[in-house]
N, C-alpha and C. Protein backbone atom coordinates (compact mmCIF):
# COMPACT_ATOMS: atom_id res chain seq x y z
N UNK A 1 9.66 122.97 30.73
CA UNK A 1 8.47 122.33 31.26
C UNK A 1 7.47 122.17 30.13
N UNK A 2 6.87 121.04 30.05
CA UNK A 2 5.86 120.75 29.04
C UNK A 2 4.58 121.49 29.41
N UNK A 3 4.00 122.21 28.46
CA UNK A 3 2.79 122.99 28.74
C UNK A 3 1.51 122.25 28.34
N UNK A 4 1.59 120.96 28.13
CA UNK A 4 0.40 120.18 27.81
C UNK A 4 -0.28 119.73 29.09
N UNK A 5 -1.57 120.01 29.18
CA UNK A 5 -2.35 119.54 30.32
C UNK A 5 -2.89 118.16 30.01
N UNK A 6 -2.79 117.23 30.95
CA UNK A 6 -3.39 115.92 30.69
C UNK A 6 -4.91 116.06 30.71
N UNK A 7 -5.54 115.29 29.87
CA UNK A 7 -7.00 115.32 29.83
C UNK A 7 -7.56 114.48 30.98
N UNK A 8 -8.84 114.63 31.23
CA UNK A 8 -9.50 113.84 32.26
C UNK A 8 -9.36 112.35 31.92
N UNK A 9 -9.55 112.01 30.66
CA UNK A 9 -9.43 110.62 30.24
C UNK A 9 -8.03 110.08 30.49
N UNK A 10 -7.01 110.90 30.21
CA UNK A 10 -5.63 110.48 30.45
C UNK A 10 -5.36 110.28 31.94
N UNK A 11 -5.90 111.16 32.77
CA UNK A 11 -5.73 111.00 34.22
C UNK A 11 -6.39 109.72 34.71
N UNK A 12 -7.60 109.45 34.24
CA UNK A 12 -8.31 108.24 34.66
C UNK A 12 -7.59 106.99 34.16
N UNK A 13 -7.08 107.05 32.94
CA UNK A 13 -6.35 105.92 32.39
C UNK A 13 -5.07 105.67 33.19
N UNK A 14 -4.40 106.74 33.60
CA UNK A 14 -3.19 106.59 34.41
C UNK A 14 -3.52 105.90 35.74
N UNK A 15 -4.63 106.30 36.36
CA UNK A 15 -5.04 105.67 37.62
C UNK A 15 -5.38 104.20 37.40
N UNK A 16 -6.07 103.89 36.31
CA UNK A 16 -6.44 102.51 36.01
C UNK A 16 -5.22 101.63 35.80
N UNK A 17 -4.15 102.21 35.27
CA UNK A 17 -2.94 101.43 35.04
C UNK A 17 -2.10 101.32 36.31
N UNK A 18 -2.57 101.92 37.41
CA UNK A 18 -1.86 101.80 38.68
C UNK A 18 -0.95 102.96 39.02
N UNK A 19 -0.91 103.97 38.17
CA UNK A 19 -0.05 105.12 38.42
C UNK A 19 -0.60 105.92 39.59
N UNK A 20 0.29 106.37 40.46
CA UNK A 20 -0.10 107.20 41.60
C UNK A 20 -0.13 108.65 41.17
N UNK A 21 -1.16 109.38 41.62
CA UNK A 21 -1.28 110.81 41.36
C UNK A 21 -1.01 111.48 42.71
N UNK A 22 0.06 112.25 42.78
CA UNK A 22 0.45 112.86 44.05
C UNK A 22 0.01 114.32 44.10
N UNK A 23 0.16 114.91 45.27
CA UNK A 23 -0.14 116.33 45.44
C UNK A 23 0.79 117.17 44.55
N UNK A 24 2.01 116.72 44.35
CA UNK A 24 2.95 117.42 43.47
C UNK A 24 2.46 117.41 42.03
N UNK A 25 1.86 116.30 41.60
CA UNK A 25 1.29 116.22 40.25
C UNK A 25 0.16 117.24 40.09
N UNK A 26 -0.70 117.31 41.09
CA UNK A 26 -1.82 118.26 41.06
C UNK A 26 -1.28 119.68 40.99
N UNK A 27 -0.26 119.97 41.78
CA UNK A 27 0.34 121.30 41.79
C UNK A 27 0.96 121.64 40.43
N UNK A 28 1.62 120.67 39.82
CA UNK A 28 2.23 120.89 38.50
C UNK A 28 1.17 121.20 37.45
N UNK A 29 0.04 120.51 37.50
CA UNK A 29 -1.04 120.78 36.55
C UNK A 29 -1.57 122.20 36.75
N UNK A 30 -1.72 122.61 38.00
CA UNK A 30 -2.18 123.98 38.28
C UNK A 30 -1.18 125.01 37.77
N UNK A 31 0.10 124.74 37.94
CA UNK A 31 1.13 125.68 37.48
C UNK A 31 1.13 125.79 35.96
N UNK A 32 0.92 124.69 35.27
CA UNK A 32 0.86 124.72 33.80
C UNK A 32 -0.33 125.57 33.37
N UNK A 33 -1.45 125.41 34.04
CA UNK A 33 -2.61 126.21 33.70
C UNK A 33 -2.33 127.70 33.93
N UNK A 34 -1.64 128.01 35.03
CA UNK A 34 -1.28 129.41 35.30
C UNK A 34 -0.42 129.97 34.18
N UNK A 35 0.53 129.18 33.69
CA UNK A 35 1.39 129.65 32.60
C UNK A 35 0.59 129.86 31.31
N UNK A 36 -0.35 128.96 31.05
CA UNK A 36 -1.14 129.07 29.82
C UNK A 36 -2.05 130.29 29.85
N UNK A 37 -2.65 130.57 31.01
CA UNK A 37 -3.61 131.67 31.09
C UNK A 37 -2.95 132.99 31.45
N UNK A 38 -1.76 132.97 32.01
CA UNK A 38 -1.10 134.19 32.42
C UNK A 38 -1.60 134.72 33.75
N UNK A 39 -2.52 134.04 34.36
CA UNK A 39 -3.03 134.43 35.68
C UNK A 39 -3.46 133.16 36.40
N UNK A 40 -4.08 133.28 37.53
CA UNK A 40 -4.53 132.13 38.31
C UNK A 40 -5.59 131.34 37.57
N UNK A 41 -6.09 130.33 38.21
CA UNK A 41 -7.10 129.49 37.57
C UNK A 41 -8.30 130.31 37.13
N UNK A 42 -8.74 130.08 35.93
CA UNK A 42 -9.90 130.80 35.41
C UNK A 42 -11.15 130.00 35.72
N UNK A 43 -12.24 130.71 35.93
CA UNK A 43 -13.50 130.04 36.21
C UNK A 43 -13.84 129.16 35.00
N UNK A 44 -14.06 127.92 35.27
CA UNK A 44 -14.34 126.98 34.19
C UNK A 44 -13.09 126.35 33.63
N UNK A 45 -11.92 126.79 34.09
CA UNK A 45 -10.67 126.22 33.62
C UNK A 45 -10.38 124.90 34.32
N UNK A 46 -9.35 124.22 33.88
CA UNK A 46 -9.07 122.90 34.44
C UNK A 46 -8.73 122.92 35.92
N UNK A 47 -8.22 124.02 36.46
CA UNK A 47 -7.85 124.05 37.88
C UNK A 47 -8.94 124.62 38.76
N UNK A 48 -10.08 124.99 38.20
CA UNK A 48 -11.18 125.54 38.99
C UNK A 48 -11.87 124.39 39.72
N UNK A 49 -11.62 124.29 41.04
CA UNK A 49 -12.14 123.18 41.83
C UNK A 49 -13.65 123.29 41.99
N UNK A 50 -14.20 124.48 41.88
CA UNK A 50 -15.65 124.63 42.05
C UNK A 50 -16.42 124.09 40.85
N UNK A 51 -15.73 123.89 39.76
CA UNK A 51 -16.37 123.35 38.56
C UNK A 51 -16.51 121.84 38.74
N UNK A 52 -17.42 121.26 38.01
CA UNK A 52 -17.65 119.82 38.09
C UNK A 52 -16.33 119.07 37.96
N UNK A 53 -16.27 117.88 38.56
CA UNK A 53 -15.02 117.13 38.67
C UNK A 53 -14.49 116.62 37.34
N UNK A 54 -15.03 117.08 36.21
CA UNK A 54 -14.51 116.62 34.92
C UNK A 54 -13.34 117.46 34.46
N UNK A 55 -12.89 118.38 35.26
CA UNK A 55 -11.73 119.18 34.91
C UNK A 55 -10.46 118.49 35.39
N UNK A 56 -9.37 118.80 34.74
CA UNK A 56 -8.11 118.09 34.95
C UNK A 56 -7.61 118.15 36.40
N UNK A 57 -7.50 119.33 36.97
CA UNK A 57 -6.95 119.44 38.32
C UNK A 57 -7.89 118.81 39.33
N UNK A 58 -9.18 119.07 39.17
CA UNK A 58 -10.14 118.48 40.10
C UNK A 58 -10.10 116.96 40.02
N UNK A 59 -9.97 116.44 38.81
CA UNK A 59 -9.88 114.99 38.64
C UNK A 59 -8.60 114.47 39.27
N UNK A 60 -7.49 115.16 39.04
CA UNK A 60 -6.21 114.75 39.63
C UNK A 60 -6.29 114.78 41.15
N UNK A 61 -6.90 115.84 41.71
CA UNK A 61 -7.03 115.92 43.17
C UNK A 61 -7.92 114.80 43.69
N UNK A 62 -8.99 114.53 43.01
CA UNK A 62 -9.91 113.47 43.43
C UNK A 62 -9.20 112.12 43.44
N UNK A 63 -8.48 111.81 42.39
CA UNK A 63 -7.77 110.54 42.30
C UNK A 63 -6.70 110.46 43.39
N UNK A 64 -5.97 111.57 43.59
CA UNK A 64 -4.93 111.58 44.62
C UNK A 64 -5.52 111.33 46.00
N UNK A 65 -6.65 111.95 46.31
CA UNK A 65 -7.30 111.74 47.61
C UNK A 65 -7.79 110.30 47.76
N UNK A 66 -8.34 109.73 46.72
CA UNK A 66 -8.81 108.34 46.77
C UNK A 66 -7.64 107.38 46.98
N UNK A 67 -6.52 107.67 46.33
CA UNK A 67 -5.35 106.82 46.50
C UNK A 67 -4.77 106.94 47.90
N UNK A 68 -4.77 108.15 48.47
CA UNK A 68 -4.30 108.31 49.85
C UNK A 68 -5.24 107.59 50.82
N UNK A 69 -6.54 107.64 50.57
CA UNK A 69 -7.51 106.93 51.40
C UNK A 69 -7.26 105.42 51.33
N UNK A 70 -6.99 104.92 50.13
CA UNK A 70 -6.68 103.51 49.96
C UNK A 70 -5.43 103.13 50.75
N UNK A 71 -4.38 103.95 50.64
CA UNK A 71 -3.14 103.68 51.37
C UNK A 71 -3.38 103.62 52.88
N UNK A 72 -4.16 104.54 53.41
CA UNK A 72 -4.41 104.54 54.85
C UNK A 72 -5.27 103.33 55.26
N UNK A 73 -6.20 102.92 54.41
CA UNK A 73 -7.01 101.74 54.70
C UNK A 73 -6.15 100.49 54.72
N UNK A 74 -5.27 100.36 53.74
CA UNK A 74 -4.38 99.19 53.68
C UNK A 74 -3.45 99.19 54.89
N UNK A 75 -2.94 100.34 55.26
CA UNK A 75 -2.06 100.44 56.42
C UNK A 75 -2.79 100.00 57.69
N UNK A 76 -4.04 100.45 57.84
CA UNK A 76 -4.84 100.09 59.01
C UNK A 76 -5.08 98.59 59.08
N UNK A 77 -5.45 97.98 57.95
CA UNK A 77 -5.73 96.54 57.93
C UNK A 77 -4.44 95.75 58.11
N UNK A 78 -3.34 96.24 57.57
CA UNK A 78 -2.07 95.49 57.67
C UNK A 78 -1.52 95.48 59.09
N UNK A 79 -1.96 96.40 59.94
CA UNK A 79 -1.51 96.39 61.33
C UNK A 79 -2.20 95.30 62.14
N UNK A 80 -3.29 94.75 61.63
CA UNK A 80 -4.01 93.69 62.35
C UNK A 80 -3.29 92.35 62.16
N UNK A 81 -3.34 91.48 63.16
CA UNK A 81 -2.84 90.12 62.93
C UNK A 81 -3.69 89.46 61.85
N UNK A 82 -3.08 88.61 61.04
CA UNK A 82 -3.81 87.98 59.94
C UNK A 82 -5.04 87.22 60.42
N UNK A 83 -4.96 86.63 61.59
CA UNK A 83 -6.08 85.84 62.08
C UNK A 83 -7.28 86.71 62.45
N UNK A 84 -7.11 88.02 62.51
CA UNK A 84 -8.21 88.92 62.86
C UNK A 84 -8.81 89.64 61.66
N UNK A 85 -8.32 89.34 60.46
CA UNK A 85 -8.85 89.98 59.25
C UNK A 85 -10.17 89.32 58.87
N UNK A 86 -11.19 90.14 58.68
CA UNK A 86 -12.55 89.65 58.43
C UNK A 86 -13.00 89.98 57.01
N UNK A 87 -14.19 89.47 56.66
CA UNK A 87 -14.79 89.78 55.37
C UNK A 87 -15.10 91.28 55.26
N UNK A 88 -15.45 91.91 56.38
CA UNK A 88 -15.69 93.36 56.36
C UNK A 88 -14.43 94.11 55.96
N UNK A 89 -13.28 93.70 56.50
CA UNK A 89 -12.01 94.31 56.12
C UNK A 89 -11.77 94.15 54.62
N UNK A 90 -12.05 92.96 54.11
CA UNK A 90 -11.85 92.69 52.68
C UNK A 90 -12.76 93.57 51.82
N UNK A 91 -14.01 93.74 52.25
CA UNK A 91 -14.94 94.59 51.49
C UNK A 91 -14.47 96.05 51.48
N UNK A 92 -14.01 96.53 52.61
CA UNK A 92 -13.55 97.92 52.70
C UNK A 92 -12.33 98.13 51.81
N UNK A 93 -11.37 97.22 51.88
CA UNK A 93 -10.16 97.35 51.06
C UNK A 93 -10.52 97.28 49.58
N UNK A 94 -11.41 96.37 49.20
CA UNK A 94 -11.82 96.24 47.80
C UNK A 94 -12.49 97.52 47.32
N UNK A 95 -13.35 98.08 48.13
CA UNK A 95 -14.06 99.30 47.76
C UNK A 95 -13.10 100.46 47.56
N UNK A 96 -12.20 100.66 48.51
CA UNK A 96 -11.26 101.79 48.39
C UNK A 96 -10.26 101.57 47.27
N UNK A 97 -9.87 100.32 47.01
CA UNK A 97 -8.95 100.07 45.90
C UNK A 97 -9.62 100.33 44.56
N UNK A 98 -10.88 99.95 44.44
CA UNK A 98 -11.62 100.22 43.20
C UNK A 98 -11.74 101.71 42.93
N UNK A 99 -12.01 102.48 43.98
CA UNK A 99 -12.10 103.93 43.82
C UNK A 99 -10.74 104.55 43.50
N UNK A 100 -9.69 104.06 44.16
CA UNK A 100 -8.36 104.64 43.99
C UNK A 100 -7.82 104.47 42.59
N UNK A 101 -8.13 103.35 41.96
CA UNK A 101 -7.56 103.08 40.64
C UNK A 101 -8.61 103.05 39.54
N UNK A 102 -9.82 103.53 39.85
CA UNK A 102 -10.86 103.77 38.85
C UNK A 102 -11.27 102.51 38.08
N UNK A 103 -11.14 101.34 38.72
CA UNK A 103 -11.57 100.09 38.11
C UNK A 103 -11.66 99.04 39.20
N UNK A 104 -12.45 97.99 38.98
CA UNK A 104 -12.54 96.93 39.98
C UNK A 104 -11.19 96.22 40.13
N UNK A 105 -10.80 95.92 41.37
CA UNK A 105 -9.53 95.22 41.57
C UNK A 105 -9.58 93.82 40.96
N UNK A 106 -8.47 93.39 40.42
CA UNK A 106 -8.41 92.08 39.80
C UNK A 106 -7.60 91.10 40.62
N UNK A 107 -7.28 89.98 39.98
CA UNK A 107 -6.46 88.96 40.64
C UNK A 107 -5.09 89.55 40.95
N UNK A 108 -4.55 89.19 42.09
CA UNK A 108 -3.24 89.67 42.48
C UNK A 108 -3.26 91.05 43.12
N UNK A 109 -4.42 91.67 43.20
CA UNK A 109 -4.51 93.00 43.81
C UNK A 109 -4.43 92.86 45.33
N UNK A 110 -4.24 93.98 45.99
CA UNK A 110 -4.18 94.00 47.45
C UNK A 110 -5.49 93.47 48.02
N UNK A 111 -6.61 93.92 47.46
CA UNK A 111 -7.90 93.48 48.00
C UNK A 111 -8.11 91.98 47.78
N UNK A 112 -7.58 91.42 46.70
CA UNK A 112 -7.69 89.98 46.48
C UNK A 112 -6.90 89.22 47.54
N UNK A 113 -5.75 89.75 47.93
CA UNK A 113 -4.95 89.12 48.97
C UNK A 113 -5.65 89.19 50.33
N UNK A 114 -6.25 90.34 50.63
CA UNK A 114 -6.98 90.49 51.89
C UNK A 114 -8.20 89.56 51.89
N UNK A 115 -8.89 89.47 50.76
CA UNK A 115 -10.05 88.58 50.63
C UNK A 115 -9.63 87.13 50.85
N UNK A 116 -8.48 86.75 50.33
CA UNK A 116 -7.98 85.40 50.50
C UNK A 116 -7.73 85.08 51.97
N UNK A 117 -7.14 86.02 52.68
CA UNK A 117 -6.89 85.83 54.12
C UNK A 117 -8.21 85.72 54.87
N UNK A 118 -9.17 86.59 54.55
CA UNK A 118 -10.48 86.56 55.22
C UNK A 118 -11.20 85.24 54.91
N UNK A 119 -11.12 84.77 53.67
CA UNK A 119 -11.76 83.50 53.30
C UNK A 119 -11.13 82.34 54.07
N UNK A 120 -9.80 82.36 54.20
CA UNK A 120 -9.12 81.31 54.95
C UNK A 120 -9.55 81.33 56.41
N UNK A 121 -9.66 82.53 56.99
CA UNK A 121 -10.10 82.65 58.38
C UNK A 121 -11.52 82.10 58.54
N UNK A 122 -12.39 82.38 57.58
CA UNK A 122 -13.76 81.85 57.63
C UNK A 122 -13.76 80.33 57.50
N UNK A 123 -12.96 79.83 56.56
CA UNK A 123 -12.93 78.39 56.31
C UNK A 123 -12.49 77.61 57.54
N UNK A 124 -11.43 78.11 58.20
CA UNK A 124 -10.91 77.42 59.37
C UNK A 124 -11.58 77.87 60.67
N UNK A 125 -12.62 78.69 60.55
CA UNK A 125 -13.34 79.21 61.71
C UNK A 125 -12.40 79.86 62.71
N UNK A 126 -11.45 80.62 62.18
CA UNK A 126 -10.53 81.34 63.04
C UNK A 126 -11.33 82.41 63.77
N UNK A 127 -11.20 82.48 65.09
CA UNK A 127 -11.99 83.47 65.82
C UNK A 127 -11.59 84.89 65.44
N UNK A 128 -12.58 85.77 65.44
CA UNK A 128 -12.32 87.17 65.10
C UNK A 128 -11.86 87.96 66.32
N UNK A 129 -11.61 87.26 67.41
CA UNK A 129 -11.09 87.90 68.62
C UNK A 129 -9.85 87.13 69.06
N UNK A 130 -8.88 87.82 69.63
CA UNK A 130 -7.68 87.11 70.08
C UNK A 130 -8.02 86.10 71.18
N UNK A 131 -7.37 84.97 71.14
CA UNK A 131 -7.57 83.95 72.17
C UNK A 131 -6.23 83.64 72.82
N UNK A 132 -6.28 82.92 73.90
CA UNK A 132 -5.07 82.53 74.61
C UNK A 132 -4.59 81.15 74.20
N UNK A 133 -5.15 80.59 73.13
CA UNK A 133 -4.78 79.27 72.66
C UNK A 133 -3.43 79.37 71.96
N UNK A 134 -2.52 78.42 72.22
CA UNK A 134 -1.22 78.47 71.54
C UNK A 134 -1.39 78.35 70.03
N UNK A 135 -0.56 79.05 69.29
CA UNK A 135 -0.68 79.09 67.84
C UNK A 135 -0.08 77.85 67.19
N UNK A 136 0.88 77.20 67.85
CA UNK A 136 1.54 76.06 67.24
C UNK A 136 1.07 74.76 67.87
N UNK A 137 1.16 73.72 67.09
CA UNK A 137 0.76 72.39 67.53
C UNK A 137 1.97 71.72 68.17
N UNK A 138 1.77 71.18 69.36
CA UNK A 138 2.86 70.49 70.04
C UNK A 138 2.87 69.03 69.62
N UNK A 139 3.97 68.35 69.93
CA UNK A 139 4.07 66.92 69.66
C UNK A 139 2.99 66.15 70.42
N UNK A 140 2.69 66.62 71.63
CA UNK A 140 1.65 65.95 72.42
C UNK A 140 0.29 66.06 71.73
N UNK A 141 -0.01 67.25 71.18
CA UNK A 141 -1.26 67.43 70.45
C UNK A 141 -1.33 66.46 69.26
N UNK A 142 -0.24 66.35 68.53
CA UNK A 142 -0.20 65.49 67.37
C UNK A 142 -0.33 64.02 67.77
N UNK A 143 0.34 63.62 68.87
CA UNK A 143 0.25 62.25 69.34
C UNK A 143 -1.18 61.87 69.74
N UNK A 144 -1.86 62.80 70.42
CA UNK A 144 -3.24 62.54 70.85
C UNK A 144 -4.15 62.40 69.63
N UNK A 145 -3.99 63.26 68.63
CA UNK A 145 -4.79 63.16 67.42
C UNK A 145 -4.50 61.85 66.69
N UNK A 146 -3.22 61.46 66.69
CA UNK A 146 -2.83 60.22 66.03
C UNK A 146 -3.45 59.02 66.75
N UNK A 147 -3.48 59.03 68.08
CA UNK A 147 -4.06 57.94 68.85
C UNK A 147 -5.55 57.79 68.54
N UNK A 148 -6.26 58.93 68.52
CA UNK A 148 -7.70 58.89 68.27
C UNK A 148 -7.98 58.42 66.85
N UNK A 149 -7.24 58.93 65.87
CA UNK A 149 -7.47 58.51 64.48
C UNK A 149 -7.05 57.07 64.24
N UNK A 150 -6.04 56.62 64.97
CA UNK A 150 -5.62 55.24 64.85
C UNK A 150 -6.75 54.30 65.27
N UNK A 151 -7.44 54.66 66.34
CA UNK A 151 -8.58 53.84 66.78
C UNK A 151 -9.70 53.90 65.73
N UNK A 152 -9.93 55.06 65.16
CA UNK A 152 -11.01 55.24 64.18
C UNK A 152 -10.73 54.49 62.88
N UNK A 153 -9.48 54.57 62.40
CA UNK A 153 -9.13 53.96 61.12
C UNK A 153 -8.61 52.52 61.27
N UNK A 154 -8.66 51.96 62.44
CA UNK A 154 -8.26 50.56 62.63
C UNK A 154 -6.76 50.36 62.63
N UNK A 155 -6.02 51.28 63.16
CA UNK A 155 -4.57 51.10 63.32
C UNK A 155 -3.72 51.77 62.26
N UNK A 156 -4.27 52.06 61.12
CA UNK A 156 -3.50 52.73 60.07
C UNK A 156 -4.07 54.13 59.85
N UNK A 157 -3.19 55.09 59.76
CA UNK A 157 -3.62 56.47 59.60
C UNK A 157 -3.34 56.90 58.15
N UNK A 158 -4.37 57.31 57.42
CA UNK A 158 -4.16 57.75 56.03
C UNK A 158 -3.30 59.02 55.97
N UNK A 159 -2.61 59.20 54.88
CA UNK A 159 -1.72 60.35 54.73
C UNK A 159 -2.47 61.68 54.67
N UNK A 160 -3.76 61.66 54.40
CA UNK A 160 -4.54 62.89 54.31
C UNK A 160 -5.24 63.23 55.63
N UNK A 161 -5.03 62.48 56.67
CA UNK A 161 -5.75 62.70 57.93
C UNK A 161 -5.22 63.92 58.68
N UNK A 162 -5.98 64.36 59.64
CA UNK A 162 -5.59 65.50 60.47
C UNK A 162 -4.31 65.20 61.23
N UNK A 163 -4.21 64.02 61.80
CA UNK A 163 -3.02 63.65 62.57
C UNK A 163 -1.78 63.65 61.68
N UNK A 164 -1.93 63.16 60.45
CA UNK A 164 -0.78 63.16 59.53
C UNK A 164 -0.36 64.58 59.21
N UNK A 165 -1.32 65.47 59.04
CA UNK A 165 -0.99 66.87 58.78
C UNK A 165 -0.34 67.53 59.98
N UNK A 166 -0.67 67.06 61.17
CA UNK A 166 -0.09 67.64 62.37
C UNK A 166 1.35 67.17 62.57
N UNK A 167 1.70 66.02 62.03
CA UNK A 167 3.03 65.45 62.18
C UNK A 167 3.93 65.86 61.02
N UNK A 168 4.07 67.14 60.78
CA UNK A 168 4.91 67.61 59.69
C UNK A 168 6.27 67.99 60.23
N UNK A 169 7.23 68.03 59.35
CA UNK A 169 8.58 68.38 59.78
C UNK A 169 8.70 69.89 59.95
N UNK A 170 9.71 70.35 60.69
CA UNK A 170 9.91 71.80 60.85
C UNK A 170 10.07 72.48 59.49
N UNK A 171 9.59 73.69 59.42
CA UNK A 171 9.67 74.44 58.18
C UNK A 171 8.43 74.30 57.32
N UNK A 172 7.51 73.42 57.72
CA UNK A 172 6.26 73.28 57.00
C UNK A 172 5.23 74.22 57.58
N UNK A 173 4.05 74.29 56.99
CA UNK A 173 3.01 75.21 57.44
C UNK A 173 2.19 74.58 58.56
N UNK A 174 1.82 75.39 59.54
CA UNK A 174 0.92 74.89 60.58
C UNK A 174 -0.52 75.10 60.14
N UNK A 175 -1.47 74.76 60.97
CA UNK A 175 -2.88 74.85 60.59
C UNK A 175 -3.35 76.28 60.42
N UNK A 176 -2.63 77.24 60.95
CA UNK A 176 -2.99 78.65 60.83
C UNK A 176 -2.34 79.27 59.59
N UNK A 177 -1.60 78.48 58.81
CA UNK A 177 -0.98 79.01 57.60
C UNK A 177 0.34 79.69 57.86
N UNK A 178 0.99 79.39 58.99
CA UNK A 178 2.27 80.02 59.31
C UNK A 178 3.38 79.00 59.24
N UNK A 179 4.55 79.48 58.92
CA UNK A 179 5.72 78.62 58.92
C UNK A 179 6.25 78.52 60.34
N UNK A 180 6.83 77.39 60.66
CA UNK A 180 7.44 77.31 61.98
C UNK A 180 7.74 75.91 62.41
N UNK A 181 8.33 75.82 63.57
CA UNK A 181 8.67 74.56 64.17
C UNK A 181 7.57 74.13 65.13
N UNK A 182 7.43 72.87 65.35
CA UNK A 182 6.36 72.37 66.19
C UNK A 182 6.89 71.67 67.43
N UNK A 183 8.14 71.93 67.78
CA UNK A 183 8.74 71.25 68.92
C UNK A 183 8.67 72.10 70.14
């Protein structure tokens, strides 16, 4: 077993690079300290939790707890239907992810993905409460939109119109951002 204790800076750098700090890691750091001192954690030593959080074990425990909190927050938000994800959910995920990895989340992060979903819901005015409205567009819905737009555009419907977007082939995206058939 390696008897080198990671420094606080090394622990923070590991978290920033996305490395998970588990309870087993914290235990291993405590055991190394026990071997070095020949007894339990010494007051002021790296495993003394009562000392300021700049000690190795306390830092490892803090990071591990923040990462577990982030995991539970992501799990809670992921159980919601995408159409119910709000800006508040995005803020909470971003905050816990920043704490868990000791740096602001960047592009491609979990919080960026949640923010994207929340932004899409805001843009399309997706209700934040479940509704009884069907999720898919029927052929009848598309025909009615096409009839109305045909009258508006003088008989020709531009390719960028709402009716044209509703008349997509199976396997394309619906207005809610889901794949599916419209028949």
